[in-house]
C-alpha atoms as a PDB file:
ATOM      1  CA  UNK A   1      60.518  45.833  45.305  1.00  0.00           C
ATOM      2  CA  UNK A   2      60.966  45.896  49.078  1.00  0.00           C
ATOM      3  CA  UNK A   3      60.409  43.142  51.600  1.00  0.00           C
ATOM      4  CA  UNK A   4      59.280  44.324  55.018  1.00  0.00           C
ATOM      5  CA  UNK A   5      60.499  42.448  58.080  1.00  0.00           C
ATOM      6  CA  UNK A   6      58.422  44.944  60.061  1.00  0.00           C
ATOM      7  CA  UNK A   7      55.804  47.541  59.236  1.00  0.00           C
ATOM      8  CA  UNK A   8      55.888  51.109  60.552  1.00  0.00           C
ATOM      9  CA  UNK A   9      52.548  52.682  61.457  1.00  0.00           C
ATOM     10  CA  UNK A  10      51.638  56.355  61.346  1.00  0.00           C
ATOM     11  CA  UNK A  11      51.545  56.565  65.156  1.00  0.00           C
ATOM     12  CA  UNK A  12      55.099  55.309  65.604  1.00  0.00           C
ATOM     13  CA  UNK A  13      54.143  51.700  66.311  1.00  0.00           C
ATOM     14  CA  UNK A  14      55.912  48.862  64.512  1.00  0.00           C
ATOM     15  CA  UNK A  15      54.351  45.500  63.662  1.00  0.00           C
ATOM     16  CA  UNK A  16      56.222  42.332  62.701  1.00  0.00           C
ATOM     17  CA  UNK A  17      55.852  40.872  59.212  1.00  0.00           C
ATOM     18  CA  UNK A  18      52.786  38.685  59.839  1.00  0.00           C
ATOM     19  CA  UNK A  19      49.905  38.327  62.287  1.00  0.00           C
ATOM     20  CA  UNK A  20      48.128  35.258  63.622  1.00  0.00           C
ATOM     21  CA  UNK A  21      44.349  35.166  63.146  1.00  0.00           C
ATOM     22  CA  UNK A  22      42.222  33.300  65.690  1.00  0.00           C
ATOM     23  CA  UNK A  23      38.813  33.041  64.012  1.00  0.00           C
ATOM     24  CA  UNK A  24      37.323  29.545  64.673  1.00  0.00           C
ATOM     25  CA  UNK A  25      40.002  28.861  67.311  1.00  0.00           C
ATOM     26  CA  UNK A  26      38.393  28.423  70.733  1.00  0.00           C
ATOM     27  CA  UNK A  27      38.563  26.797  74.152  1.00  0.00           C
ATOM     28  CA  UNK A  28      41.380  24.809  75.713  1.00  0.00           C
ATOM     29  CA  UNK A  29      42.379  23.406  72.335  1.00  0.00           C
ATOM     30  CA  UNK A  30      42.569  26.946  71.035  1.00  0.00           C
ATOM     31  CA  UNK A  31      44.900  28.004  73.851  1.00  0.00           C
ATOM     32  CA  UNK A  32      47.355  25.316  72.807  1.00  0.00           C
ATOM     33  CA  UNK A  33      47.062  26.294  69.134  1.00  0.00           C
ATOM     34  CA  UNK A  34      47.815  29.930  69.963  1.00  0.00           C
ATOM     35  CA  UNK A  35      50.733  28.897  72.192  1.00  0.00           C
ATOM     36  CA  UNK A  36      52.018  26.825  69.267  1.00  0.00           C
ATOM     37  CA  UNK A  37      51.878  29.906  67.032  1.00  0.00           C
ATOM     38  CA  UNK A  38      53.748  31.951  69.632  1.00  0.00           C
ATOM     39  CA  UNK A  39      56.424  29.229  69.794  1.00  0.00           C
ATOM     40  CA  UNK A  40      56.810  29.486  66.010  1.00  0.00           C
ATOM     41  CA  UNK A  41      57.454  33.207  66.342  1.00  0.00           C
ATOM     42  CA  UNK A  42      54.128  35.017  65.867  1.00  0.00           C
ATOM     43  CA  UNK A  43      53.676  38.045  68.113  1.00  0.00           C
ATOM     44  CA  UNK A  44      50.442  39.602  66.796  1.00  0.00           C
ATOM     45  CA  UNK A  45      47.232  37.850  67.895  1.00  0.00           C
ATOM     46  CA  UNK A  46      44.114  38.989  66.036  1.00  0.00           C
ATOM     47  CA  UNK A  47      40.716  38.394  67.647  1.00  0.00           C
ATOM     48  CA  UNK A  48      37.248  39.974  67.638  1.00  0.00           C
ATOM     49  CA  UNK A  49      34.159  39.977  69.830  1.00  0.00           C
ATOM     50  CA  UNK A  50      32.353  38.033  67.112  1.00  0.00           C
ATOM     51  CA  UNK A  51      34.929  35.243  67.246  1.00  0.00           C
ATOM     52  CA  UNK A  52      33.763  34.305  70.762  1.00  0.00           C
ATOM     53  CA  UNK A  53      37.328  33.580  71.837  1.00  0.00           C
ATOM     54  CA  UNK A  54      38.671  36.708  73.498  1.00  0.00           C
ATOM     55  CA  UNK A  55      38.977  34.905  76.845  1.00  0.00           C
ATOM     56  CA  UNK A  56      40.963  32.142  75.163  1.00  0.00           C
ATOM     57  CA  UNK A  57      43.376  34.664  73.658  1.00  0.00           C
ATOM     58  CA  UNK A  58      43.869  36.311  77.032  1.00  0.00           C
ATOM     59  CA  UNK A  59      44.526  32.937  78.639  1.00  0.00           C
ATOM     60  CA  UNK A  60      47.138  32.096  75.999  1.00  0.00           C
ATOM     61  CA  UNK A  61      48.872  35.429  76.644  1.00  0.00           C
ATOM     62  CA  UNK A  62      48.988  34.700  80.370  1.00  0.00           C
ATOM     63  CA  UNK A  63      50.273  31.153  79.906  1.00  0.00           C
ATOM     64  CA  UNK A  64      52.964  32.215  77.437  1.00  0.00           C
ATOM     65  CA  UNK A  65      56.489  32.822  78.687  1.00  0.00           C
ATOM     66  CA  UNK A  66      56.830  35.704  76.209  1.00  0.00           C
ATOM     67  CA  UNK A  67      56.880  39.086  77.989  1.00  0.00           C
ATOM     68  CA  UNK A  68      53.592  40.949  77.587  1.00  0.00           C
ATOM     69  CA  UNK A  69      55.330  43.979  76.071  1.00  0.00           C
ATOM     70  CA  UNK A  70      56.549  41.814  73.176  1.00  0.00           C
ATOM     71  CA  UNK A  71      53.034  40.737  72.210  1.00  0.00           C
ATOM     72  CA  UNK A  72      50.397  42.607  70.189  1.00  0.00           C
ATOM     73  CA  UNK A  73      46.810  41.705  71.047  1.00  0.00           C
ATOM     74  CA  UNK A  74      44.413  43.104  68.437  1.00  0.00           C
ATOM     75  CA  UNK A  75      40.629  43.141  68.983  1.00  0.00           C
ATOM     76  CA  UNK A  76      37.605  44.563  67.123  1.00  0.00           C
ATOM     77  CA  UNK A  77      34.496  46.515  68.030  1.00  0.00           C
ATOM     78  CA  UNK A  78      31.257  44.883  66.804  1.00  0.00           C
ATOM     79  CA  UNK A  79      28.404  46.770  65.188  1.00  0.00           C
ATOM     80  CA  UNK A  80      26.183  46.348  68.252  1.00  0.00           C
ATOM     81  CA  UNK A  81      28.434  48.793  70.143  1.00  0.00           C
ATOM     82  CA  UNK A  82      28.931  51.665  67.699  1.00  0.00           C
ATOM     83  CA  UNK A  83      27.226  54.190  69.969  1.00  0.00           C
ATOM     84  CA  UNK A  84      29.850  56.086  71.965  1.00  0.00           C
ATOM     85  CA  UNK A  85      28.919  54.958  75.480  1.00  0.00           C
ATOM     86  CA  UNK A  86      28.389  51.349  74.402  1.00  0.00           C
ATOM     87  CA  UNK A  87      31.776  51.318  72.678  1.00  0.00           C
ATOM     88  CA  UNK A  88      33.624  52.618  75.745  1.00  0.00           C
ATOM     89  CA  UNK A  89      31.813  50.127  77.980  1.00  0.00           C
ATOM     90  CA  UNK A  90      32.475  47.186  75.665  1.00  0.00           C
ATOM     91  CA  UNK A  91      36.183  47.956  75.352  1.00  0.00           C
ATOM     92  CA  UNK A  92      36.444  47.962  79.145  1.00  0.00           C
ATOM     93  CA  UNK A  93      34.313  44.838  79.475  1.00  0.00           C
ATOM     94  CA  UNK A  94      36.444  43.000  76.932  1.00  0.00           C
ATOM     95  CA  UNK A  95      39.600  43.896  78.828  1.00  0.00           C
ATOM     96  CA  UNK A  96      38.011  42.391  81.943  1.00  0.00           C
ATOM     97  CA  UNK A  97      37.081  39.313  79.891  1.00  0.00           C
ATOM     98  CA  UNK A  98      40.607  38.856  78.573  1.00  0.00           C
ATOM     99  CA  UNK A  99      42.130  39.883  81.923  1.00  0.00           C
ATOM    100  CA  UNK A 100      44.462  42.236  80.086  1.00  0.00           C
ATOM    101  CA  UNK A 101      45.331  45.796  81.115  1.00  0.00           C
ATOM    102  CA  UNK A 102      45.226  47.174  77.566  1.00  0.00           C
ATOM    103  CA  UNK A 103      44.840  46.232  73.919  1.00  0.00           C
ATOM    104  CA  UNK A 104      47.838  46.798  71.701  1.00  0.00           C
ATOM    105  CA  UNK A 105      45.577  47.349  68.707  1.00  0.00           C
ATOM    106  CA  UNK A 106      41.831  47.820  68.397  1.00  0.00           C
ATOM    107  CA  UNK A 107      39.719  48.168  65.249  1.00  0.00           C
ATOM    108  CA  UNK A 108      36.126  48.966  64.295  1.00  0.00           C
ATOM    109  CA  UNK A 109      35.152  45.666  62.669  1.00  0.00           C
ATOM    110  CA  UNK A 110      32.776  46.998  59.952  1.00  0.00           C
ATOM    111  CA  UNK A 111      31.540  50.538  59.202  1.00  0.00           C
ATOM    112  CA  UNK A 112      27.831  49.579  58.935  1.00  0.00           C
ATOM    113  CA  UNK A 113      27.156  52.785  56.961  1.00  0.00           C
ATOM    114  CA  UNK A 114      23.372  52.290  56.919  1.00  0.00           C
ATOM    115  CA  UNK A 115      23.428  52.657  60.698  1.00  0.00           C
ATOM    116  CA  UNK A 116      25.541  55.792  60.358  1.00  0.00           C
ATOM    117  CA  UNK A 117      27.295  55.458  63.730  1.00  0.00           C
ATOM    118  CA  UNK A 118      30.847  54.620  62.730  1.00  0.00           C
ATOM    119  CA  UNK A 119      32.098  58.195  63.296  1.00  0.00           C
ATOM    120  CA  UNK A 120      30.748  58.012  66.846  1.00  0.00           C
ATOM    121  CA  UNK A 121      32.456  54.638  67.284  1.00  0.00           C
ATOM    122  CA  UNK A 122      35.737  56.078  66.018  1.00  0.00           C
ATOM    123  CA  UNK A 123      35.538  58.923  68.545  1.00  0.00           C
ATOM    124  CA  UNK A 124      35.175  56.277  71.248  1.00  0.00           C
ATOM    125  CA  UNK A 125      38.353  54.568  70.073  1.00  0.00           C
ATOM    126  CA  UNK A 126      40.174  57.905  69.968  1.00  0.00           C
ATOM    127  CA  UNK A 127      39.173  58.578  73.568  1.00  0.00           C
ATOM    128  CA  UNK A 128      39.866  54.998  74.712  1.00  0.00           C
ATOM    129  CA  UNK A 129      43.391  55.445  73.390  1.00  0.00           C
ATOM    130  CA  UNK A 130      43.730  58.636  75.457  1.00  0.00           C
ATOM    131  CA  UNK A 131      42.512  56.733  78.526  1.00  0.00           C
ATOM    132  CA  UNK A 132      45.274  54.146  78.046  1.00  0.00           C
ATOM    133  CA  UNK A 133      42.929  51.281  77.160  1.00  0.00           C
ATOM    134  CA  UNK A 134      44.372  50.931  73.640  1.00  0.00           C
ATOM    135  CA  UNK A 135      47.817  51.642  72.222  1.00  0.00           C
ATOM    136  CA  UNK A 136      47.048  51.697  68.466  1.00  0.00           C
ATOM    137  CA  UNK A 137      43.646  52.324  66.891  1.00  0.00           C
ATOM    138  CA  UNK A 138      42.440  51.397  63.441  1.00  0.00           C
ATOM    139  CA  UNK A 139      39.518  50.183  61.389  1.00  0.00           C
ATOM    140  CA  UNK A 140      38.490  47.187  59.326  1.00  0.00           C
ATOM    141  CA  UNK A 141      36.630  47.049  56.006  1.00  0.00           C
ATOM    142  CA  UNK A 142      36.467  50.856  55.690  1.00  0.00           C
ATOM    143  CA  UNK A 143      36.221  52.393  52.224  1.00  0.00           C
ATOM    144  CA  UNK A 144      37.769  55.779  51.331  1.00  0.00           C
ATOM    145  CA  UNK A 145      34.604  57.745  52.100  1.00  0.00           C
ATOM    146  CA  UNK A 146      34.356  56.112  55.530  1.00  0.00           C
ATOM    147  CA  UNK A 147      37.996  56.921  56.222  1.00  0.00           C
ATOM    148  CA  UNK A 148      37.610  60.539  55.183  1.00  0.00           C
ATOM    149  CA  UNK A 149      34.515  60.974  57.355  1.00  0.00           C
ATOM    150  CA  UNK A 150      36.195  59.798  60.552  1.00  0.00           C
ATOM    151  CA  UNK A 151      39.414  61.700  59.846  1.00  0.00           C
ATOM    152  CA  UNK A 152      37.516  64.928  59.162  1.00  0.00           C
ATOM    153  CA  UNK A 153      35.345  64.527  62.269  1.00  0.00           C
ATOM    154  CA  UNK A 154      38.131  63.737  64.740  1.00  0.00           C
ATOM    155  CA  UNK A 155      41.403  64.833  63.167  1.00  0.00           C
ATOM    156  CA  UNK A 156      42.763  61.334  63.866  1.00  0.00           C
ATOM    157  CA  UNK A 157      43.827  59.000  61.060  1.00  0.00           C
ATOM    158  CA  UNK A 158      43.578  55.241  61.640  1.00  0.00           C
ATOM    159  CA  UNK A 159      46.901  53.438  61.865  1.00  0.00           C
ATOM    160  CA  UNK A 160      45.611  50.379  59.995  1.00  0.00           C
ATOM    161  CA  UNK A 161      42.681  49.270  57.854  1.00  0.00           C
ATOM    162  CA  UNK A 162      42.104  45.521  57.798  1.00  0.00           C
ATOM    163  CA  UNK A 163      40.484  44.605  54.477  1.00  0.00           C
ATOM    164  CA  UNK A 164      39.573  41.629  52.340  1.00  0.00           C
ATOM    165  CA  UNK A 165      42.528  40.876  50.076  1.00  0.00           C
ATOM    166  CA  UNK A 166      43.564  37.668  48.351  1.00  0.00           C
ATOM    167  CA  UNK A 167      44.539  36.740  44.768  1.00  0.00           C
ATOM    168  CA  UNK A 168      40.913  36.595  43.568  1.00  0.00           C
ATOM    169  CA  UNK A 169      40.098  39.969  45.137  1.00  0.00           C
ATOM    170  CA  UNK A 170      43.312  41.961  45.343  1.00  0.00           C
ATOM    171  CA  UNK A 171      41.580  45.191  46.377  1.00  0.00           C
ATOM    172  CA  UNK A 172      44.486  47.189  44.911  1.00  0.00           C
ATOM    173  CA  UNK A 173      42.571  50.457  44.695  1.00  0.00           C
ATOM    174  CA  UNK A 174      41.704  50.393  48.387  1.00  0.00           C
ATOM    175  CA  UNK A 175      45.313  49.530  49.246  1.00  0.00           C
ATOM    176  CA  UNK A 176      46.359  52.611  47.254  1.00  0.00           C
ATOM    177  CA  UNK A 177      43.781  54.762  49.045  1.00  0.00           C
ATOM    178  CA  UNK A 178      45.043  53.532  52.405  1.00  0.00           C
ATOM    179  CA  UNK A 179      48.624  54.284  51.368  1.00  0.00           C
ATOM    180  CA  UNK A 180      47.612  57.763  50.246  1.00  0.00           C
ATOM    181  CA  UNK A 181      46.325  58.482  53.760  1.00  0.00           C
ATOM    182  CA  UNK A 182      49.329  56.915  55.504  1.00  0.00           C
ATOM    183  CA  UNK A 183      47.275  53.929  56.668  1.00  0.00           C
ATOM    184  CA  UNK A 184      48.738  50.419  56.658  1.00  0.00           C
ATOM    185  CA  UNK A 185      46.573  47.854  54.868  1.00  0.00           C
ATOM    186  CA  UNK A 186      46.067  44.529  56.613  1.00  0.00           C
ATOM    187  CA  UNK A 187      44.828  41.477  54.717  1.00  0.00           C
ATOM    188  CA  UNK A 188      42.281  39.270  56.422  1.00  0.00           C
ATOM    189  CA  UNK A 189      41.950  35.739  55.033  1.00  0.00           C
ATOM    190  CA  UNK A 190      44.825  36.255  52.570  1.00  0.00           C
ATOM    191  CA  UNK A 191      44.302  32.743  51.180  1.00  0.00           C
ATOM    192  CA  UNK A 192      40.593  33.377  50.560  1.00  0.00           C
ATOM    193  CA  UNK A 193      39.337  30.970  53.232  1.00  0.00           C
ATOM    194  CA  UNK A 194      38.275  27.425  52.480  1.00  0.00           C
ATOM    195  CA  UNK A 195      35.629  28.316  49.904  1.00  0.00           C
ATOM    196  CA  UNK A 196      38.030  29.205  47.115  1.00  0.00           C
ATOM    197  CA  UNK A 197      41.071  27.494  45.688  1.00  0.00           C
ATOM    198  CA  UNK A 198      43.870  30.060  45.760  1.00  0.00           C
ATOM    199  CA  UNK A 199      46.282  27.557  47.316  1.00  0.00           C
ATOM    200  CA  UNK A 200      45.651  25.082  44.481  1.00  0.00           C
ATOM    201  CA  UNK A 201      45.371  27.628  41.686  1.00  0.00           C
ATOM    202  CA  UNK A 202      47.610  26.598  38.789  1.00  0.00           C
ATOM    203  CA  UNK A 203      49.261  30.010  38.424  1.00  0.00           C
ATOM    204  CA  UNK A 204      50.095  30.140  42.124  1.00  0.00           C
ATOM    205  CA  UNK A 205      51.370  26.554  42.039  1.00  0.00           C
ATOM    206  CA  UNK A 206      53.598  27.255  39.026  1.00  0.00           C
ATOM    207  CA  UNK A 207      55.120  30.286  40.744  1.00  0.00           C
ATOM    208  CA  UNK A 208      55.611  28.236  43.915  1.00  0.00           C
ATOM    209  CA  UNK A 209      57.443  25.551  41.962  1.00  0.00           C
ATOM    210  CA  UNK A 210      59.644  28.190  40.328  1.00  0.00           C
ATOM    211  CA  UNK A 211      60.845  29.456  43.724  1.00  0.00           C
ATOM    212  CA  UNK A 212      60.752  26.131  45.545  1.00  0.00           C
ATOM    213  CA  UNK A 213      58.191  27.525  47.997  1.00  0.00           C
ATOM    214  CA  UNK A 214      54.681  26.682  49.105  1.00  0.00           C
ATOM    215  CA  UNK A 215      51.662  28.417  47.519  1.00  0.00           C
ATOM    216  CA  UNK A 216      50.933  30.014  50.894  1.00  0.00           C
ATOM    217  CA  UNK A 217      54.411  31.544  51.058  1.00  0.00           C
ATOM    218  CA  UNK A 218      53.982  32.931  47.542  1.00  0.00           C
ATOM    219  CA  UNK A 219      50.733  34.686  48.487  1.00  0.00           C
ATOM    220  CA  UNK A 220      52.164  36.089  51.713  1.00  0.00           C
ATOM    221  CA  UNK A 221      55.237  37.355  49.884  1.00  0.00           C
ATOM    222  CA  UNK A 222      52.948  38.994  47.299  1.00  0.00           C
ATOM    223  CA  UNK A 223      51.171  40.798  50.134  1.00  0.00           C
ATOM    224  CA  UNK A 224      54.400  41.865  51.810  1.00  0.00           C
ATOM    225  CA  UNK A 225      55.922  43.258  48.615  1.00  0.00           C
ATOM    226  CA  UNK A 226      52.759  45.346  48.209  1.00  0.00           C
ATOM    227  CA  UNK A 227      53.266  46.686  51.755  1.00  0.00           C
ATOM    228  CA  UNK A 228      50.264  44.785  53.063  1.00  0.00           C
ATOM    229  CA  UNK A 229      50.356  43.164  56.511  1.00  0.00           C
ATOM    230  CA  UNK A 230      48.885  39.635  56.263  1.00  0.00           C
ATOM    231  CA  UNK A 231      46.920  37.983  59.070  1.00  0.00           C
ATOM    232  CA  UNK A 232      46.890  34.198  58.702  1.00  0.00           C
ATOM    233  CA  UNK A 233      45.213  31.402  60.609  1.00  0.00           C
ATOM    234  CA  UNK A 234      46.250  27.784  60.995  1.00  0.00           C
ATOM    235  CA  UNK A 235      45.810  25.284  63.804  1.00  0.00           C
ATOM    236  CA  UNK A 236      48.622  23.070  62.487  1.00  0.00           C
ATOM    237  CA  UNK A 237      52.126  23.949  63.658  1.00  0.00           C
ATOM    238  CA  UNK A 238      53.740  22.923  60.370  1.00  0.00           C
ATOM    239  CA  UNK A 239      51.461  25.292  58.464  1.00  0.00           C
ATOM    240  CA  UNK A 240      51.979  27.951  61.116  1.00  0.00           C
ATOM    241  CA  UNK A 241      55.730  27.696  60.552  1.00  0.00           C
ATOM    242  CA  UNK A 242      55.366  27.655  56.768  1.00  0.00           C
ATOM    243  CA  UNK A 243      53.242  30.798  56.881  1.00  0.00           C
ATOM    244  CA  UNK A 244      55.635  32.566  59.236  1.00  0.00           C
ATOM    245  CA  UNK A 245      58.833  31.922  57.251  1.00  0.00           C
ATOM    246  CA  UNK A 246      58.198  33.585  53.909  1.00  0.00           C
ATOM    247  CA  UNK A 247      60.697  36.456  53.868  1.00  0.00           C
ATOM    248  CA  UNK A 248      63.854  34.789  52.549  1.00  0.00           C
ATOM    249  CA  UNK A 249      63.035  35.188  48.857  1.00  0.00           C
ATOM    250  CA  UNK A 250      61.623  37.897  46.602  1.00  0.00           C
ATOM    251  CA  UNK A 251      59.072  37.577  43.826  1.00  0.00           C
ATOM    252  CA  UNK A 252      59.987  39.025  40.447  1.00  0.00           C
ATOM    253  CA  UNK A 253      57.772  41.797  39.096  1.00  0.00           C
ATOM    254  CA  UNK A 254      56.404  39.501  36.385  1.00  0.00           C
ATOM    255  CA  UNK A 255      55.223  37.039  39.029  1.00  0.00           C
ATOM    256  CA  UNK A 256      53.602  39.768  41.111  1.00  0.00           C
ATOM    257  CA  UNK A 257      51.724  40.824  37.974  1.00  0.00           C
ATOM    258  CA  UNK A 258      50.614  37.241  37.283  1.00  0.00           C
ATOM    259  CA  UNK A 259      49.072  37.071  40.754  1.00  0.00           C
ATOM    260  CA  UNK A 260      47.465  40.493  40.313  1.00  0.00           C
ATOM    261  CA  UNK A 261      45.909  39.229  37.071  1.00  0.00           C
ATOM    262  CA  UNK A 262      43.970  36.543  38.976  1.00  0.00           C
ATOM    263  CA  UNK A 263      41.685  39.259  40.359  1.00  0.00           C
ATOM    264  CA  UNK A 264      37.968  38.696  39.677  1.00  0.00           C
ATOM    265  CA  UNK A 265      36.710  42.055  40.872  1.00  0.00           C
ATOM    266  CA  UNK A 266      33.522  42.052  42.936  1.00  0.00           C
ATOM    267  CA  UNK A 267      32.884  38.446  41.882  1.00  0.00           C
ATOM    268  CA  UNK A 268      36.027  37.471  43.756  1.00  0.00           C
ATOM    269  CA  UNK A 269      34.810  38.539  47.189  1.00  0.00           C
ATOM    270  CA  UNK A 270      34.650  35.606  49.586  1.00  0.00           C
ATOM    271  CA  UNK A 271      31.030  36.069  50.650  1.00  0.00           C
ATOM    272  CA  UNK A 272      30.005  39.149  48.696  1.00  0.00           C
ATOM    273  CA  UNK A 273      30.695  41.329  51.720  1.00  0.00           C
ATOM    274  CA  UNK A 274      30.763  44.803  50.196  1.00  0.00           C
ATOM    275  CA  UNK A 275      31.394  47.275  53.078  1.00  0.00           C
ATOM    276  CA  UNK A 276      28.814  49.689  51.658  1.00  0.00           C
ATOM    277  CA  UNK A 277      26.121  47.018  51.930  1.00  0.00           C
ATOM    278  CA  UNK A 278      27.200  44.405  54.479  1.00  0.00           C
ATOM    279  CA  UNK A 279      26.015  44.912  58.060  1.00  0.00           C
ATOM    280  CA  UNK A 280      27.703  43.223  61.021  1.00  0.00           C
ATOM    281  CA  UNK A 281      26.377  43.505  64.559  1.00  0.00           C
ATOM    282  CA  UNK A 282      27.812  40.619  66.594  1.00  0.00           C
END
């Protein structure tokens, strides 16, 4: 197996080995938590309009001593702006809100297939990239049919697809479909959020004890060895550091398979958010 200290995207961009998620991190306290993550070594900051913290992320970027060109700010288009003109306007408005000149990475948050506007939204991202508003464009929670529709309509393949993936819902088939199309899979909430117990699961704990690592590091290593880019969130600097430093060991194939075997299929989804059914507008 291979460990990736950086991930290469289909548009020539490279990403470091882990991203920092900012959901539920807001305000002045949030600025300090993001600055703490940057001090640890994180360089990818993942936000979304629905997180109500884009201004906070922009403020942290401005306060940081890290050169702007070394940071990757990733944002997401909400379902309320899937129409072409609304998408272009919102991308510009969000840049004004963050006081940034461009986004390093921008994703469509959910396909909302019942609305049927995600192809139009993707065309907006394609054009926003041409205008210099975005460096790398991608999607989130897209299934193979959604991917094929936008690729066929525009001739442009997303660089990344951010999807639900954790030990109870490993989403291996979608990871394979992304790989087949040259799209990097990103894992949101790789620990399954607070409502499940992946970090206290006995199998994960036993593997962690075997390697002398934390359960979180085991899960992140499992993602990395599957060529999946994990996006993690923690307000605590010790946990931030623990999550960042997971590359100095390699899981044996038998341990990767033990984690894969924890999968619960559709029952393992965090909130039952099937992309063919779930609708997100904020």
